[in-house]
C-alpha atoms as a PDB file:
ATOM      1  CA  MET A   1      86.489  56.928 128.246  1.00  0.00           C
ATOM      2  CA  ALA A   2      84.226  58.861 130.609  1.00  0.00           C
ATOM      3  CA  ALA A   3      82.698  55.779 132.131  1.00  0.00           C
ATOM      4  CA  ARG A   4      86.026  54.662 133.522  1.00  0.00           C
ATOM      5  CA  ALA A   5      86.599  58.008 135.304  1.00  0.00           C
ATOM      6  CA  VAL A   6      83.112  57.932 136.759  1.00  0.00           C
ATOM      7  CA  TRP A   7      83.487  54.370 137.980  1.00  0.00           C
ATOM      8  CA  GLU A   8      86.797  55.243 139.620  1.00  0.00           C
ATOM      9  CA  ILE A   9      85.063  57.878 141.794  1.00  0.00           C
ATOM     10  CA  TRP A  10      82.305  55.436 142.683  1.00  0.00           C
ATOM     11  CA  SER A  11      84.666  52.533 143.356  1.00  0.00           C
ATOM     12  CA  ASP A  12      85.185  53.741 146.949  1.00  0.00           C
ATOM     13  CA  GLY A  13      81.454  54.034 147.553  1.00  0.00           C
ATOM     14  CA  VAL A  14      78.678  56.512 147.003  1.00  0.00           C
ATOM     15  CA  PRO A  15      80.137  60.013 146.389  1.00  0.00           C
ATOM     16  CA  THR A  16      79.546  62.380 149.314  1.00  0.00           C
ATOM     17  CA  ARG A  17      80.496  65.766 147.934  1.00  0.00           C
ATOM     18  CA  PRO A  18      78.019  67.736 145.801  1.00  0.00           C
ATOM     19  CA  ASN A  19      78.725  68.466 142.122  1.00  0.00           C
ATOM     20  CA  GLN A  20      81.306  65.767 141.678  1.00  0.00           C
ATOM     21  CA  TRP A  21      79.495  64.872 138.505  1.00  0.00           C
ATOM     22  CA  ALA A  22      79.989  68.386 137.072  1.00  0.00           C
ATOM     23  CA  GLN A  23      83.542  67.678 135.891  1.00  0.00           C
ATOM     24  CA  PHE A  24      82.322  65.251 133.269  1.00  0.00           C
ATOM     25  CA  ASP A  25      81.099  65.765 129.724  1.00  0.00           C
ATOM     26  CA  ALA A  26      77.673  64.650 128.578  1.00  0.00           C
ATOM     27  CA  GLU A  27      78.697  61.013 128.347  1.00  0.00           C
ATOM     28  CA  GLY A  28      80.161  61.082 131.887  1.00  0.00           C
ATOM     29  CA  ARG A  29      77.108  62.758 133.375  1.00  0.00           C
ATOM     30  CA  SER A  30      74.884  60.171 131.712  1.00  0.00           C
ATOM     31  CA  GLU A  31      76.998  57.368 133.175  1.00  0.00           C
ATOM     32  CA  TRP A  32      76.831  59.048 136.627  1.00  0.00           C
ATOM     33  CA  LEU A  33      73.066  59.293 136.308  1.00  0.00           C
ATOM     34  CA  ASP A  34      72.896  55.576 135.372  1.00  0.00           C
ATOM     35  CA  LEU A  35      74.750  54.729 138.544  1.00  0.00           C
ATOM     36  CA  THR A  36      72.073  56.506 140.586  1.00  0.00           C
ATOM     37  CA  ARG A  37      69.517  54.018 139.268  1.00  0.00           C
ATOM     38  CA  VAL A  38      71.102  51.019 141.013  1.00  0.00           C
ATOM     39  CA  GLY A  39      71.813  50.362 144.629  1.00  0.00           C
ATOM     40  CA  PRO A  40      70.020  50.528 147.937  1.00  0.00           C
ATOM     41  CA  TYR A  41      69.396  54.232 148.002  1.00  0.00           C
ATOM     42  CA  GLY A  42      66.441  55.239 150.080  1.00  0.00           C
ATOM     43  CA  LEU A  43      64.386  58.264 149.170  1.00  0.00           C
ATOM     44  CA  GLN A  44      64.859  60.837 151.917  1.00  0.00           C
ATOM     45  CA  GLY A  45      64.048  64.495 152.327  1.00  0.00           C
ATOM     46  CA  LEU A  46      61.446  64.759 149.613  1.00  0.00           C
ATOM     47  CA  SER A  47      58.643  66.328 151.566  1.00  0.00           C
ATOM     48  CA  GLY A  48      58.520  69.659 153.353  1.00  0.00           C
ATOM     49  CA  GLY A  49      61.358  72.050 153.785  1.00  0.00           C
ATOM     50  CA  THR A  50      63.117  74.419 151.386  1.00  0.00           C
ATOM     51  CA  TYR A  51      65.473  73.048 148.782  1.00  0.00           C
ATOM     52  CA  HIS A  52      68.277  74.965 147.100  1.00  0.00           C
ATOM     53  CA  LEU A  53      69.096  73.977 143.540  1.00  0.00           C
ATOM     54  CA  ASP A  54      72.694  74.610 142.553  1.00  0.00           C
ATOM     55  CA  GLY A  55      72.270  74.985 138.824  1.00  0.00           C
ATOM     56  CA  GLN A  56      75.630  76.429 137.965  1.00  0.00           C
ATOM     57  CA  HIS A  57      76.788  73.156 136.354  1.00  0.00           C
ATOM     58  CA  VAL A  58      73.513  72.223 134.637  1.00  0.00           C
ATOM     59  CA  THR A  59      74.192  72.094 130.891  1.00  0.00           C
ATOM     60  CA  ASP A  60      71.964  69.185 129.824  1.00  0.00           C
ATOM     61  CA  ARG A  61      69.138  66.904 131.023  1.00  0.00           C
ATOM     62  CA  SER A  62      71.504  64.607 132.980  1.00  0.00           C
ATOM     63  CA  GLY A  63      72.992  67.524 134.797  1.00  0.00           C
ATOM     64  CA  LEU A  64      69.565  68.927 135.655  1.00  0.00           C
ATOM     65  CA  LEU A  65      68.429  65.578 137.058  1.00  0.00           C
ATOM     66  CA  LEU A  66      71.591  65.171 139.071  1.00  0.00           C
ATOM     67  CA  ALA A  67      71.336  68.745 140.457  1.00  0.00           C
ATOM     68  CA  LEU A  68      67.672  68.125 141.398  1.00  0.00           C
ATOM     69  CA  GLY A  69      68.635  64.937 143.126  1.00  0.00           C
ATOM     70  CA  GLU A  70      71.275  66.696 145.162  1.00  0.00           C
ATOM     71  CA  ALA A  71      68.933  69.563 146.051  1.00  0.00           C
ATOM     72  CA  CYS A  72      66.199  67.266 147.303  1.00  0.00           C
ATOM     73  CA  SER A  73      68.299  64.819 149.299  1.00  0.00           C
ATOM     74  CA  ALA A  74      71.728  66.334 149.790  1.00  0.00           C
ATOM     75  CA  MET A  75      73.251  63.761 147.389  1.00  0.00           C
ATOM     76  CA  ALA A  76      72.258  62.822 143.848  1.00  0.00           C
ATOM     77  CA  PRO A  77      72.364  59.005 144.249  1.00  0.00           C
ATOM     78  CA  THR A  78      69.318  58.975 146.487  1.00  0.00           C
ATOM     79  CA  THR A  79      66.813  60.740 144.239  1.00  0.00           C
ATOM     80  CA  ALA A  80      68.202  61.428 140.824  1.00  0.00           C
ATOM     81  CA  GLU A  81      66.497  58.242 139.528  1.00  0.00           C
ATOM     82  CA  THR A  82      63.157  59.635 140.613  1.00  0.00           C
ATOM     83  CA  TRP A  83      63.666  62.652 138.386  1.00  0.00           C
ATOM     84  CA  THR A  84      64.473  60.563 135.336  1.00  0.00           C
ATOM     85  CA  ARG A  85      60.830  59.614 135.314  1.00  0.00           C
ATOM     86  CA  CYS A  86      59.888  63.267 134.799  1.00  0.00           C
ATOM     87  CA  ARG A  87      58.985  64.268 131.288  1.00  0.00           C
ATOM     88  CA  THR A  88      60.810  67.240 129.863  1.00  0.00           C
ATOM     89  CA  THR A  89      59.225  69.373 127.244  1.00  0.00           C
END
């Protein structure tokens, strides 16, 4: 079950290394994205500056949202939830 493996990573606190979500399948990435929607994460780093999107692990919508979150704030938990409000076409 992908959720269990994701929760094990998060059990010690908010992940601090980029792309930790990339090891999971679609179900695991979705679970990871769900975890970014809860918690006291402040939006930081969204205005100004240059952001570098590491898209090498993006294979679906959840992966894209997680990568965008990391690019904009150095870690997905702080902004990935913001990107879930974006409409994809």
